[in-house]
N, C-alpha and C. Protein backbone atom coordinates (compact mmCIF):
# COMPACT_ATOMS: atom_id res chain seq x y z
N MET A 1 -3.26 12.53 18.78
CA MET A 1 -2.55 11.81 18.80
C MET A 1 -3.03 11.37 19.44
N SER A 2 -3.02 9.73 19.77
CA SER A 2 -3.55 8.96 20.67
C SER A 2 -2.70 8.42 21.05
N SER A 3 -2.94 7.59 22.26
CA SER A 3 -1.80 7.10 23.54
C SER A 3 -0.63 6.40 22.93
N ALA A 4 0.74 6.22 23.63
CA ALA A 4 1.85 5.12 23.27
C ALA A 4 0.55 4.13 23.31
N VAL A 5 0.98 3.06 22.54
CA VAL A 5 0.91 1.79 22.92
C VAL A 5 2.28 1.27 22.77
N ASN A 6 2.85 0.23 24.00
CA ASN A 6 3.96 -0.73 24.33
C ASN A 6 3.63 -2.24 24.14
N GLU A 7 5.09 -2.70 23.53
CA GLU A 7 5.22 -4.58 23.57
C GLU A 7 4.33 -4.27 21.77
N PHE A 8 4.48 -3.43 21.41
CA PHE A 8 3.38 -3.85 19.85
C PHE A 8 3.77 -4.39 18.68
N PRO A 9 3.71 -5.60 18.52
CA PRO A 9 4.94 -6.83 17.20
C PRO A 9 5.11 -5.84 16.06
N LEU A 10 6.40 -6.21 15.88
CA LEU A 10 6.82 -5.06 14.63
C LEU A 10 6.84 -6.54 13.26
N PHE A 11 6.85 -6.06 12.21
CA PHE A 11 7.47 -7.14 11.17
C PHE A 11 8.22 -6.24 10.60
N PRO A 12 9.67 -6.17 10.82
CA PRO A 12 10.31 -5.08 9.48
C PRO A 12 10.57 -6.59 8.06
N LEU A 13 9.62 -5.26 6.84
CA LEU A 13 9.87 -6.34 5.90
C LEU A 13 10.76 -5.16 4.71
N GLY A 14 10.52 -5.71 3.47
CA GLY A 14 11.13 -5.01 2.28
C GLY A 14 9.98 -3.98 1.55
N ILE A 15 9.11 -4.26 1.95
CA ILE A 15 7.16 -3.55 2.09
C ILE A 15 6.82 -3.19 2.13
N VAL A 16 5.90 -1.07 2.09
CA VAL A 16 4.90 -0.60 2.49
C VAL A 16 3.65 -1.57 2.71
N ALA A 17 3.84 -1.45 3.13
CA ALA A 17 2.09 -1.90 3.51
C ALA A 17 1.29 -0.75 4.00
N LEU A 18 0.28 -0.54 2.60
CA LEU A 18 -1.24 1.05 3.33
C LEU A 18 -2.33 0.66 4.54
N PRO A 19 -3.37 1.36 4.86
CA PRO A 19 -4.03 0.55 5.33
C PRO A 19 -5.75 0.58 4.12
N GLY A 20 -5.50 -0.67 5.21
CA GLY A 20 -6.90 -1.10 3.98
C GLY A 20 -6.21 -2.26 3.04
N GLU A 21 -5.08 -1.65 1.98
CA GLU A 21 -4.19 -3.27 1.16
C GLU A 21 -3.80 -4.76 1.79
N VAL A 22 -4.43 -5.80 1.48
CA VAL A 22 -4.05 -7.40 1.23
C VAL A 22 -2.99 -7.52 1.50
N VAL A 23 -1.86 -7.77 2.03
CA VAL A 23 -0.92 -8.57 1.83
C VAL A 23 -0.80 -9.63 2.62
N PRO A 24 -0.44 -10.65 1.55
CA PRO A 24 0.01 -11.99 2.14
C PRO A 24 1.77 -12.14 2.05
N LEU A 25 1.59 -12.71 3.38
CA LEU A 25 2.45 -13.61 4.06
C LEU A 25 3.08 -14.97 4.94
N HIS A 26 4.39 -14.84 4.08
CA HIS A 26 5.09 -16.30 4.67
C HIS A 26 5.59 -16.54 5.87
N ILE A 27 5.01 -17.17 7.08
CA ILE A 27 5.52 -16.75 8.63
C ILE A 27 6.90 -17.74 8.30
N PHE A 28 7.69 -18.40 8.39
CA PHE A 28 8.48 -19.17 8.53
C PHE A 28 9.61 -19.20 9.52
N GLU A 29 10.40 -17.42 9.81
CA GLU A 29 11.48 -17.34 11.53
C GLU A 29 10.29 -17.95 12.18
N GLN A 30 11.45 -18.15 13.05
CA GLN A 30 10.34 -18.33 14.63
C GLN A 30 9.98 -17.06 15.27
N ARG A 31 10.21 -17.13 15.67
CA ARG A 31 10.51 -14.97 16.37
C ARG A 31 9.02 -14.59 15.68
N TYR A 32 9.01 -15.31 13.82
CA TYR A 32 7.05 -14.52 12.99
C TYR A 32 6.48 -15.20 13.49
N LYS A 33 7.07 -16.60 13.75
CA LYS A 33 5.88 -17.36 14.68
C LYS A 33 5.08 -17.77 15.39
N THR A 34 5.70 -16.60 16.01
CA THR A 34 5.63 -16.56 17.16
C THR A 34 4.48 -15.22 17.55
N MET A 35 4.98 -14.56 16.85
CA MET A 35 4.58 -12.81 16.70
C MET A 35 2.81 -13.25 16.43
N ILE A 36 3.56 -13.80 14.99
CA ILE A 36 1.80 -14.12 14.63
C ILE A 36 0.61 -14.80 15.65
N GLU A 37 1.15 -16.45 15.97
CA GLU A 37 0.76 -17.31 16.95
C GLU A 37 0.10 -16.11 18.43
N ARG A 38 0.91 -15.50 18.42
CA ARG A 38 0.03 -14.10 19.93
C ARG A 38 -0.88 -13.58 19.59
N CYS A 39 -1.04 -13.00 18.20
CA CYS A 39 -1.83 -12.75 17.31
C CYS A 39 -3.08 -12.91 17.22
N LEU A 40 -2.70 -14.17 16.76
CA LEU A 40 -4.74 -15.04 16.59
C LEU A 40 -5.02 -15.39 17.86
N ALA A 41 -4.45 -15.34 19.01
CA ALA A 41 -4.51 -16.19 19.92
C ALA A 41 -5.37 -14.55 20.53
N SER A 42 -4.54 -13.94 20.74
CA SER A 42 -4.77 -12.28 20.87
C SER A 42 -6.52 -11.56 20.08
N ASP A 43 -6.15 -11.65 18.79
CA ASP A 43 -7.44 -11.16 17.58
C ASP A 43 -6.40 -9.78 17.52
N GLY A 44 -4.81 -9.69 17.67
CA GLY A 44 -3.98 -8.25 17.96
C GLY A 44 -3.45 -7.85 17.00
N GLU A 45 -3.40 -6.29 16.29
CA GLU A 45 -2.36 -6.58 15.39
C GLU A 45 -1.07 -6.59 15.71
N PHE A 46 -0.48 -6.31 14.53
CA PHE A 46 0.91 -6.17 14.09
C PHE A 46 1.18 -5.34 13.39
N GLY A 47 2.73 -4.73 13.45
CA GLY A 47 3.17 -3.15 12.10
C GLY A 47 4.16 -4.50 11.59
N ILE A 48 3.86 -3.84 10.08
CA ILE A 48 4.44 -3.48 8.59
C ILE A 48 5.20 -2.24 8.91
N VAL A 49 7.14 -2.53 8.78
CA VAL A 49 7.42 -1.02 8.72
C VAL A 49 8.52 -1.36 7.66
N TRP A 50 8.56 -0.73 6.86
CA TRP A 50 9.57 -0.45 5.78
C TRP A 50 11.08 -0.50 6.21
N LEU A 51 11.77 -1.92 6.52
CA LEU A 51 13.16 -2.14 5.99
C LEU A 51 13.65 -1.71 4.70
N SER A 52 14.23 -0.22 4.92
CA SER A 52 14.76 0.23 3.46
C SER A 52 16.13 0.38 3.55
N GLU A 53 17.39 0.57 2.69
CA GLU A 53 18.10 0.58 2.71
C GLU A 53 18.85 1.82 3.76
N GLY A 54 17.67 2.71 3.93
CA GLY A 54 18.33 4.32 5.06
C GLY A 54 18.00 3.56 5.95
N GLY A 55 17.62 2.44 7.02
CA GLY A 55 17.10 1.54 7.57
C GLY A 55 15.86 1.19 8.16
N LEU A 56 15.35 1.53 8.78
CA LEU A 56 13.60 1.02 9.24
C LEU A 56 12.69 2.30 9.26
N ARG A 57 12.55 2.36 8.20
CA ARG A 57 11.50 3.88 8.66
C ARG A 57 10.50 4.57 9.70
N GLU A 58 10.48 5.18 10.30
CA GLU A 58 9.95 5.30 11.44
C GLU A 58 8.06 5.44 11.65
N ILE A 59 7.70 5.87 10.59
CA ILE A 59 6.80 5.42 10.14
C ILE A 59 5.88 3.70 8.80
N GLY A 60 4.70 3.43 9.84
CA GLY A 60 3.95 1.92 9.13
C GLY A 60 2.76 1.83 9.45
N CYS A 61 2.56 0.69 8.92
CA CYS A 61 0.87 0.26 9.63
C CYS A 61 0.78 -1.15 9.96
N ALA A 62 0.17 -0.91 10.90
CA ALA A 62 -0.13 -1.89 11.60
C ALA A 62 -1.79 -2.59 10.68
N CYS A 63 -0.91 -3.86 10.95
CA CYS A 63 -2.08 -4.81 10.42
C CYS A 63 -3.01 -6.12 10.88
N ARG A 64 -3.98 -6.96 10.59
CA ARG A 64 -4.86 -7.68 11.78
C ARG A 64 -4.51 -8.60 10.79
N ILE A 65 -4.40 -9.59 11.13
CA ILE A 65 -4.32 -10.83 10.54
C ILE A 65 -5.93 -11.36 9.90
N ASP A 66 -6.11 -11.67 8.71
CA ASP A 66 -7.66 -11.81 7.74
C ASP A 66 -7.88 -13.67 8.00
N ARG A 67 -7.10 -14.02 7.92
CA ARG A 67 -7.25 -15.00 7.45
C ARG A 67 -5.46 -16.39 7.55
N VAL A 68 -6.06 -17.40 7.99
CA VAL A 68 -4.79 -18.75 7.49
C VAL A 68 -4.77 -18.90 6.31
N LEU A 69 -3.91 -18.10 5.51
CA LEU A 69 -4.35 -19.88 4.01
C LEU A 69 -4.00 -21.30 4.62
N GLU A 70 -2.73 -21.76 5.52
CA GLU A 70 -1.85 -22.93 5.47
C GLU A 70 -1.56 -22.42 5.74
N ARG A 71 -0.99 -23.98 6.25
CA ARG A 71 0.06 -24.30 7.55
C ARG A 71 0.58 -25.56 7.71
N THR A 72 2.20 -25.69 8.26
CA THR A 72 2.58 -26.59 7.91
C THR A 72 2.84 -27.59 9.67
N ASP A 73 2.86 -28.41 9.72
CA ASP A 73 3.71 -28.86 10.38
C ASP A 73 4.46 -28.81 11.32
N ASP A 74 5.52 -27.78 11.03
CA ASP A 74 6.35 -26.93 11.80
C ASP A 74 6.17 -25.94 12.41
N GLY A 75 5.01 -25.28 12.34
CA GLY A 75 3.97 -24.32 12.08
C GLY A 75 4.41 -23.13 11.45
N GLU A 76 5.46 -23.38 9.55
CA GLU A 76 5.11 -22.12 9.20
C GLU A 76 3.50 -21.85 8.80
N MET A 77 3.33 -20.67 8.90
CA MET A 77 2.32 -20.03 7.95
C MET A 77 1.94 -18.76 6.44
N ASP A 78 1.27 -19.15 5.66
CA ASP A 78 0.69 -18.68 4.64
C ASP A 78 0.03 -18.43 5.11
N ILE A 79 -0.49 -16.39 5.82
CA ILE A 79 -1.48 -15.41 5.69
C ILE A 79 -1.60 -14.41 5.28
N LEU A 80 -3.38 -13.69 5.53
CA LEU A 80 -2.81 -12.22 5.01
C LEU A 80 -3.20 -12.30 5.89
N ALA A 81 -2.75 -10.50 5.52
CA ALA A 81 -3.20 -9.15 6.55
C ALA A 81 -3.73 -8.52 5.78
N VAL A 82 -4.82 -7.18 6.46
CA VAL A 82 -4.59 -6.27 6.26
C VAL A 82 -4.46 -5.03 7.17
N GLY A 83 -4.57 -4.33 6.06
CA GLY A 83 -3.73 -3.00 6.89
C GLY A 83 -4.75 -2.01 7.47
N THR A 84 -4.44 -1.56 8.17
CA THR A 84 -5.76 -1.19 9.70
C THR A 84 -5.00 0.38 9.71
N ARG A 85 -4.25 1.09 9.96
CA ARG A 85 -4.19 3.17 9.84
C ARG A 85 -2.32 1.97 10.27
N PRO A 86 -2.56 4.04 9.54
CA PRO A 86 -0.29 3.99 10.81
C PRO A 86 0.20 3.99 11.59
N ILE A 87 0.89 3.80 11.43
CA ILE A 87 2.01 3.19 13.09
C ILE A 87 2.58 5.02 13.30
N ARG A 88 3.73 4.52 14.31
CA ARG A 88 4.62 6.12 14.21
C ARG A 88 5.42 4.60 15.67
N ILE A 89 6.64 5.11 15.34
CA ILE A 89 7.84 3.76 15.94
C ILE A 89 8.30 5.29 17.29
N LEU A 90 8.03 4.92 18.33
CA LEU A 90 8.67 5.78 19.13
C LEU A 90 9.96 5.65 20.34
N GLU A 91 9.99 4.44 20.27
CA GLU A 91 11.03 3.59 20.65
C GLU A 91 10.90 1.44 20.27
N ARG A 92 11.94 1.30 19.57
CA ARG A 92 12.30 0.00 19.57
C ARG A 92 12.24 -0.76 21.31
N GLN A 93 12.13 -2.17 21.39
CA GLN A 93 11.97 -2.44 22.49
C GLN A 93 12.32 -4.00 21.57
N GLY A 94 13.39 -4.54 23.25
CA GLY A 94 14.68 -5.80 22.23
C GLY A 94 14.26 -7.26 23.44
N HIS A 95 12.58 -6.23 24.58
CA HIS A 95 12.83 -7.48 25.45
C HIS A 95 12.31 -9.42 25.22
N LEU A 96 11.34 -9.05 23.97
CA LEU A 96 9.99 -9.73 24.06
C LEU A 96 10.91 -11.09 22.88
N PRO A 97 10.22 -12.08 22.30
CA PRO A 97 11.37 -13.20 21.72
C PRO A 97 10.98 -12.72 19.77
N TYR A 98 10.61 -11.35 20.16
CA TYR A 98 10.41 -11.23 18.46
C TYR A 98 10.53 -9.13 19.05
N PRO A 99 10.32 -9.14 17.21
CA PRO A 99 10.74 -7.14 17.79
C PRO A 99 9.46 -7.06 17.98
N ALA A 100 10.15 -5.26 19.03
CA ALA A 100 8.21 -5.34 18.56
C ALA A 100 8.65 -3.27 19.07
N ALA A 101 8.48 -1.87 19.40
CA ALA A 101 8.42 -1.31 19.76
C ALA A 101 6.80 -0.60 20.78
N VAL A 102 7.34 0.62 21.22
CA VAL A 102 6.76 1.27 22.29
C VAL A 102 5.84 3.01 20.24
N VAL A 103 4.60 2.31 20.01
CA VAL A 103 4.07 2.82 18.89
C VAL A 103 2.94 4.49 19.23
N GLU A 104 2.43 4.89 18.41
CA GLU A 104 1.09 5.37 18.71
C GLU A 104 0.42 5.72 16.93
N PHE A 105 -0.25 5.42 17.24
CA PHE A 105 -1.61 5.20 16.68
C PHE A 105 -1.93 6.18 15.80
N VAL A 106 -0.87 7.17 14.86
CA VAL A 106 -0.98 8.86 14.21
C VAL A 106 -3.10 8.54 13.62
N GLU A 107 -2.78 9.95 13.28
CA GLU A 107 -3.66 10.81 12.96
C GLU A 107 -4.02 12.09 11.82
N ASP A 108 -4.45 11.93 10.56
CA ASP A 108 -4.75 13.45 10.08
C ASP A 108 -5.13 14.78 10.68
N ARG A 109 -4.29 15.11 10.07
CA ARG A 109 -4.77 16.51 11.12
C ARG A 109 -6.50 17.21 10.42
N GLY A 110 -7.29 17.63 11.26
CA GLY A 110 -8.58 17.59 10.96
C GLY A 110 -8.07 19.13 9.52
N GLU A 111 -9.36 18.70 8.59
CA GLU A 111 -9.32 20.67 7.86
C GLU A 111 -10.23 19.40 6.99
N ARG A 112 -10.40 20.57 6.18
CA ARG A 112 -11.36 20.32 5.26
C ARG A 112 -11.00 20.28 3.63
N SER A 113 -12.16 18.28 3.39
CA SER A 113 -12.10 17.84 2.14
C SER A 113 -11.97 18.65 1.33
N ASP A 114 -11.00 18.69 -0.09
CA ASP A 114 -11.04 19.55 -1.83
C ASP A 114 -11.45 18.55 -2.31
N PRO A 115 -12.91 18.42 -2.57
CA PRO A 115 -13.41 17.50 -4.10
C PRO A 115 -12.33 17.83 -4.88
N GLU A 116 -12.65 18.89 -5.85
CA GLU A 116 -11.64 19.24 -6.30
C GLU A 116 -10.08 17.97 -7.11
N VAL A 117 -10.08 18.50 -5.81
CA VAL A 117 -8.71 16.60 -5.14
C VAL A 117 -8.79 15.50 -6.09
N ALA A 118 -9.80 15.04 -4.97
CA ALA A 118 -10.38 14.20 -4.74
C ALA A 118 -10.79 13.17 -6.05
N GLN A 119 -11.62 14.52 -7.04
CA GLN A 119 -11.98 14.24 -8.50
C GLN A 119 -10.90 13.68 -9.29
N ALA A 120 -9.39 15.45 -9.76
CA ALA A 120 -8.59 14.99 -9.74
C ALA A 120 -8.18 13.13 -10.27
N ALA A 121 -7.79 12.85 -8.76
CA ALA A 121 -7.43 11.42 -8.82
C ALA A 121 -8.48 10.74 -9.26
N ARG A 122 -9.01 10.67 -8.15
CA ARG A 122 -10.26 9.21 -8.71
C ARG A 122 -10.36 8.92 -10.40
N ALA A 123 -10.07 10.52 -11.48
CA ALA A 123 -10.38 10.38 -12.51
C ALA A 123 -9.48 9.77 -13.49
N SER A 124 -7.87 10.48 -12.55
CA SER A 124 -6.62 9.85 -12.88
C SER A 124 -6.61 8.03 -12.74
N TYR A 125 -6.45 7.90 -11.41
CA TYR A 125 -6.89 6.90 -11.24
C TYR A 125 -8.11 4.87 -11.94
N GLY A 126 -9.11 6.17 -12.56
CA GLY A 126 -10.34 5.24 -13.40
C GLY A 126 -9.63 5.00 -14.69
N GLU A 127 -8.92 5.98 -15.62
CA GLU A 127 -7.97 5.82 -16.31
C GLU A 127 -6.82 5.09 -16.73
N LEU A 128 -6.41 4.30 -15.92
CA LEU A 128 -5.47 3.96 -15.35
C LEU A 128 -5.56 2.76 -15.58
N LEU A 129 -7.44 2.61 -14.94
CA LEU A 129 -7.61 0.95 -14.45
C LEU A 129 -8.37 0.74 -16.21
N ARG A 130 -8.50 1.37 -16.75
CA ARG A 130 -10.10 1.61 -18.21
C ARG A 130 -8.01 1.29 -18.93
N GLN A 131 -7.07 1.61 -19.87
CA GLN A 131 -6.34 1.81 -20.22
C GLN A 131 -5.53 0.95 -19.60
N ALA A 132 -5.50 0.05 -17.96
CA ALA A 132 -4.06 -0.71 -18.20
C ALA A 132 -4.75 -2.61 -18.08
N THR A 133 -6.49 -2.52 -17.88
CA THR A 133 -7.20 -3.78 -17.31
C THR A 133 -8.41 -4.03 -18.50
N GLY A 134 -9.01 -2.02 -18.76
CA GLY A 134 -9.74 -2.10 -19.83
C GLY A 134 -11.16 -2.88 -19.00
N ARG A 135 -10.87 -2.79 -17.97
CA ARG A 135 -12.26 -2.26 -17.20
C ARG A 135 -13.03 -0.78 -16.83
N GLU A 136 -13.82 -1.14 -16.66
CA GLU A 136 -14.58 -0.06 -16.64
C GLU A 136 -15.58 0.53 -15.05
N PRO A 137 -14.05 0.85 -14.86
CA PRO A 137 -14.86 1.46 -13.64
C PRO A 137 -15.65 1.79 -12.63
N ASP A 138 -16.81 1.29 -12.06
CA ASP A 138 -18.06 1.90 -11.07
C ASP A 138 -17.62 3.19 -11.27
N GLY A 139 -18.95 3.88 -11.17
CA GLY A 139 -18.46 5.22 -10.85
C GLY A 139 -18.75 5.29 -9.63
N ALA A 140 -20.27 4.42 -8.51
CA ALA A 140 -20.62 5.21 -7.51
C ALA A 140 -18.95 4.35 -6.57
N GLU A 141 -19.24 3.05 -7.05
CA GLU A 141 -17.35 2.84 -6.30
C GLU A 141 -16.34 3.32 -6.07
N LEU A 142 -16.43 4.38 -7.55
CA LEU A 142 -15.13 5.50 -7.15
C LEU A 142 -14.83 6.27 -7.10
N GLU A 143 -16.18 6.37 -6.46
CA GLU A 143 -16.41 8.32 -5.36
C GLU A 143 -15.93 7.26 -4.20
N ARG A 144 -16.54 6.60 -3.77
CA ARG A 144 -16.07 5.93 -2.12
C ARG A 144 -14.50 6.06 -1.96
N LEU A 145 -13.66 5.87 -3.26
CA LEU A 145 -12.00 5.56 -3.03
C LEU A 145 -11.49 6.48 -2.11
N GLY A 146 -10.72 6.42 -1.15
CA GLY A 146 -9.76 7.88 -0.73
C GLY A 146 -8.58 7.12 -1.50
N ALA A 147 -7.61 8.26 -1.27
CA ALA A 147 -5.99 7.72 -2.13
C ALA A 147 -5.58 6.76 -1.05
N TYR A 148 -5.26 6.20 0.29
CA TYR A 148 -4.91 4.32 1.01
C TYR A 148 -5.65 3.41 -0.39
N GLU A 149 -6.85 3.68 -0.80
CA GLU A 149 -7.55 2.65 -1.60
C GLU A 149 -7.37 2.25 -3.09
N MET A 150 -6.74 3.77 -3.43
CA MET A 150 -6.47 2.89 -4.62
C MET A 150 -5.14 3.52 -4.93
N ALA A 151 -4.14 3.66 -4.31
CA ALA A 151 -3.01 3.63 -3.75
C ALA A 151 -2.66 1.70 -4.05
N ALA A 152 -3.36 0.93 -3.18
CA ALA A 152 -3.69 0.00 -2.37
C ALA A 152 -3.03 -1.30 -3.64
N THR A 153 -3.93 -0.45 -5.30
CA THR A 153 -4.34 -1.42 -6.40
C THR A 153 -3.22 -1.57 -7.15
N VAL A 154 -2.50 -0.08 -6.73
CA VAL A 154 -1.88 0.20 -8.86
C VAL A 154 -0.06 -0.02 -8.06
N ASP A 155 0.32 -0.84 -8.67
CA ASP A 155 2.12 -0.65 -8.09
C ASP A 155 2.93 1.02 -8.34
N LEU A 156 2.75 1.37 -7.13
CA LEU A 156 3.80 2.04 -7.04
C LEU A 156 4.76 2.56 -7.13
N GLY A 157 5.69 1.59 -6.53
CA GLY A 157 6.82 1.55 -6.10
C GLY A 157 6.83 2.16 -4.32
N LEU A 158 8.07 1.54 -3.29
CA LEU A 158 8.20 1.24 -2.04
C LEU A 158 8.75 3.53 -1.47
N ASP A 159 8.76 3.81 -2.49
CA ASP A 159 9.30 5.37 -2.29
C ASP A 159 7.96 6.17 -2.17
N ALA A 160 6.87 6.00 -3.21
CA ALA A 160 5.47 6.73 -4.00
C ALA A 160 4.74 5.39 -2.74
N LYS A 161 4.07 4.41 -2.08
CA LYS A 161 4.08 3.93 -0.76
C LYS A 161 4.07 4.48 0.39
N GLN A 162 5.80 4.94 0.51
CA GLN A 162 6.01 5.11 1.83
C GLN A 162 5.85 6.96 2.23
N GLY A 163 5.38 6.79 0.63
CA GLY A 163 5.51 9.27 1.02
C GLY A 163 3.79 9.45 0.96
N LEU A 164 3.19 8.24 0.58
CA LEU A 164 1.77 8.23 1.16
C LEU A 164 1.35 7.97 2.59
N LEU A 165 2.21 6.69 2.95
CA LEU A 165 1.29 6.94 4.41
C LEU A 165 1.69 7.45 5.22
N ASP A 166 3.40 8.20 4.79
CA ASP A 166 4.04 9.56 5.78
C ASP A 166 3.03 10.85 6.01
N LEU A 167 2.35 10.99 5.55
CA LEU A 167 1.44 12.62 4.78
C LEU A 167 0.44 12.50 6.24
N ARG A 168 0.04 13.24 6.13
CA ARG A 168 -0.79 13.33 7.66
C ARG A 168 -2.84 14.07 7.23
N SER A 169 -2.48 14.32 5.98
CA SER A 169 -3.19 15.14 5.61
C SER A 169 -3.76 14.14 4.02
N GLU A 170 -5.24 13.59 4.08
CA GLU A 170 -5.78 13.38 3.35
C GLU A 170 -5.38 14.33 1.92
N ASN A 171 -5.96 15.48 1.58
CA ASN A 171 -5.63 16.22 0.45
C ASN A 171 -4.63 16.52 -0.01
N ALA A 172 -3.23 16.18 0.66
CA ALA A 172 -2.21 15.74 0.45
C ALA A 172 -1.75 14.46 -0.24
N ARG A 173 -2.87 13.94 0.69
CA ARG A 173 -2.49 12.35 -0.47
C ARG A 173 -2.74 12.21 -1.76
N LEU A 174 -4.06 12.83 -1.65
CA LEU A 174 -5.00 12.75 -3.00
C LEU A 174 -3.67 13.68 -3.97
N ARG A 175 -3.22 14.96 -3.43
CA ARG A 175 -2.73 15.03 -4.94
C ARG A 175 -1.53 14.42 -5.55
N LEU A 176 -0.82 13.89 -4.14
CA LEU A 176 0.14 13.33 -5.00
C LEU A 176 0.03 12.26 -4.74
N LEU A 177 -0.66 11.14 -4.37
CA LEU A 177 -1.38 10.30 -5.65
C LEU A 177 -1.48 10.46 -6.87
N GLY A 178 -2.32 11.30 -7.29
CA GLY A 178 -2.69 11.99 -8.57
C GLY A 178 -1.06 12.26 -9.64
N ARG A 179 -0.66 13.55 -9.18
CA ARG A 179 0.87 12.79 -9.66
C ARG A 179 1.15 11.49 -10.57
N LEU A 180 1.52 10.64 -9.28
CA LEU A 180 1.61 9.19 -9.62
C LEU A 180 1.00 8.65 -10.82
N LEU A 181 -0.52 9.10 -10.56
CA LEU A 181 -1.44 7.68 -11.56
C LEU A 181 -0.66 8.88 -12.95
N ARG A 182 -1.15 9.51 -13.34
CA ARG A 182 -0.87 10.35 -14.04
C ARG A 182 0.87 10.59 -14.95
N ALA A 183 1.35 10.18 -14.21
CA ALA A 183 2.79 9.81 -14.11
C ALA A 183 2.87 8.32 -15.29
N ALA A 184 2.03 7.14 -13.86
CA ALA A 184 1.74 6.10 -14.48
C ALA A 184 1.05 5.72 -15.29
N LEU A 185 0.38 6.36 -15.77
CA LEU A 185 -0.49 6.83 -17.16
C LEU A 185 0.21 6.67 -18.67
N GLU A 186 1.97 7.80 -18.31
CA GLU A 186 2.16 8.54 -19.02
C GLU A 186 3.24 7.34 -19.37
N ARG A 187 3.62 6.34 -18.03
CA ARG A 187 4.13 5.06 -18.26
C ARG A 187 3.89 4.25 -19.17
N LEU A 188 2.60 4.54 -19.12
CA LEU A 188 1.67 2.71 -19.91
C LEU A 188 1.30 2.95 -21.64
N GLN A 189 1.69 4.61 -21.01
CA GLN A 189 1.02 5.29 -23.62
C GLN A 189 2.49 5.07 -24.02
N LEU A 190 3.26 5.67 -22.66
CA LEU A 190 4.60 5.21 -24.11
C LEU A 190 5.16 3.87 -24.46
N ALA A 191 5.11 3.07 -23.23
CA ALA A 191 5.29 1.36 -23.63
C ALA A 191 4.36 0.67 -24.44
N GLU A 192 3.00 1.60 -24.70
CA GLU A 192 1.95 0.63 -25.52
C GLU A 192 2.63 1.46 -27.01
N HIS A 193 2.96 2.22 -26.77
CA HIS A 193 3.47 3.06 -28.42
C HIS A 193 5.23 2.44 -29.04
N ALA A 194 5.63 1.95 -27.57
CA ALA A 194 6.88 1.85 -28.87
C ALA A 194 6.23 -0.29 -28.79
N HIS A 195 5.44 -0.35 -28.57
CA HIS A 195 5.35 -2.14 -28.77
C HIS A 195 4.56 -1.52 -30.37
N GLU A 196 3.87 -1.10 -30.46
CA GLU A 196 3.24 -0.52 -31.67
C GLU A 196 4.40 -0.09 -32.56
N ARG A 197 4.95 0.83 -32.18
CA ARG A 197 6.50 0.65 -33.05
C ARG A 197 6.92 -0.37 -33.42
N ALA A 198 7.66 -1.08 -32.76
CA ALA A 198 7.80 -2.36 -32.80
C ALA A 198 7.22 -3.72 -33.40
N MET A 199 5.72 -3.55 -33.99
CA MET A 199 4.38 -4.47 -34.21
C MET A 199 5.13 -4.11 -36.20
N SER A 200 5.17 -2.71 -35.89
CA SER A 200 5.10 -2.01 -37.21
C SER A 200 6.20 -2.29 -38.04
N ASN A 201 7.55 -3.06 -37.19
CA ASN A 201 9.57 -2.89 -38.06
C ASN A 201 10.13 -1.75 -38.64
N GLY A 202 9.12 -0.68 -37.77
CA GLY A 202 10.45 0.37 -38.01
C GLY A 202 8.97 1.85 -38.53
N LYS A 203 8.13 0.90 -39.48
CA LYS A 203 7.63 2.36 -40.33
C LYS A 203 6.61 2.61 -39.95
N VAL A 204 6.15 4.06 -40.17
CA VAL A 204 5.44 4.38 -39.31
C VAL A 204 3.69 4.20 -39.46
N ARG A 205 3.11 4.09 -38.72
CA ARG A 205 1.33 4.04 -39.60
C ARG A 205 0.64 4.40 -38.97
N PHE A 206 -0.59 4.74 -39.72
CA PHE A 206 -1.47 6.20 -40.47
C PHE A 206 -2.43 5.82 -39.65
N GLY A 207 -3.16 6.40 -38.96
CA GLY A 207 -4.28 5.49 -38.24
C GLY A 207 -5.13 5.56 -39.70
N GLY A 208 -5.65 6.14 -40.20
CA GLY A 208 -6.71 5.94 -42.10
C GLY A 208 -6.37 5.18 -42.79
N SER A 209 -7.16 4.32 -43.32
CA SER A 209 -6.80 3.57 -44.00
C SER A 209 -7.44 4.27 -45.70
N ALA A 210 -7.28 4.12 -46.49
CA ALA A 210 -6.84 4.34 -47.95
C ALA A 210 -8.62 3.83 -48.03
N SER A 211 -8.67 4.65 -49.54
CA SER A 211 -10.39 4.86 -49.77
C SER A 211 -10.24 4.41 -51.45
């Protein structure tokens, strides 16, 4: 684990950000306008942490501002942020004009990667891309993707994304992601089947044509 960082800016939100994920944000509250201006001035990071119904989660994601898309006269901003690395909140701090905390950047435990686990997750991801978008994924590009990169492009739901963020093992993340992607494939196939049934007016359609 890395050493603690004091006065790290926090952005509690109803979303979960992952390392590598591009996150569009609209900044309109004064405290967050101040926070983002300071991050821009120092090229510093801030943390997006999920403010769930059960409260603020312990593990969040540090983000860096990629660019400011638009800025109004009163200081409101549309920005693009990119997730960089997971953080753990050690202690909340309230003396700054915006939310902050003592955090540590959390790292994965050392372990040997499991090629079979990675291949299974990538195969499910590639199949989901094919079925959902009709696009054939590039094989070489697919081989370079880790769990975070794949999950960042799929709408998995907040609990699932937080589950991935909480894990300190890439093998564990890939196993969980593989299960999530297979479940998504099943839902997609069921939705397509239901659509086909609706289009058939309730009659079963057989694949072959009469000769």
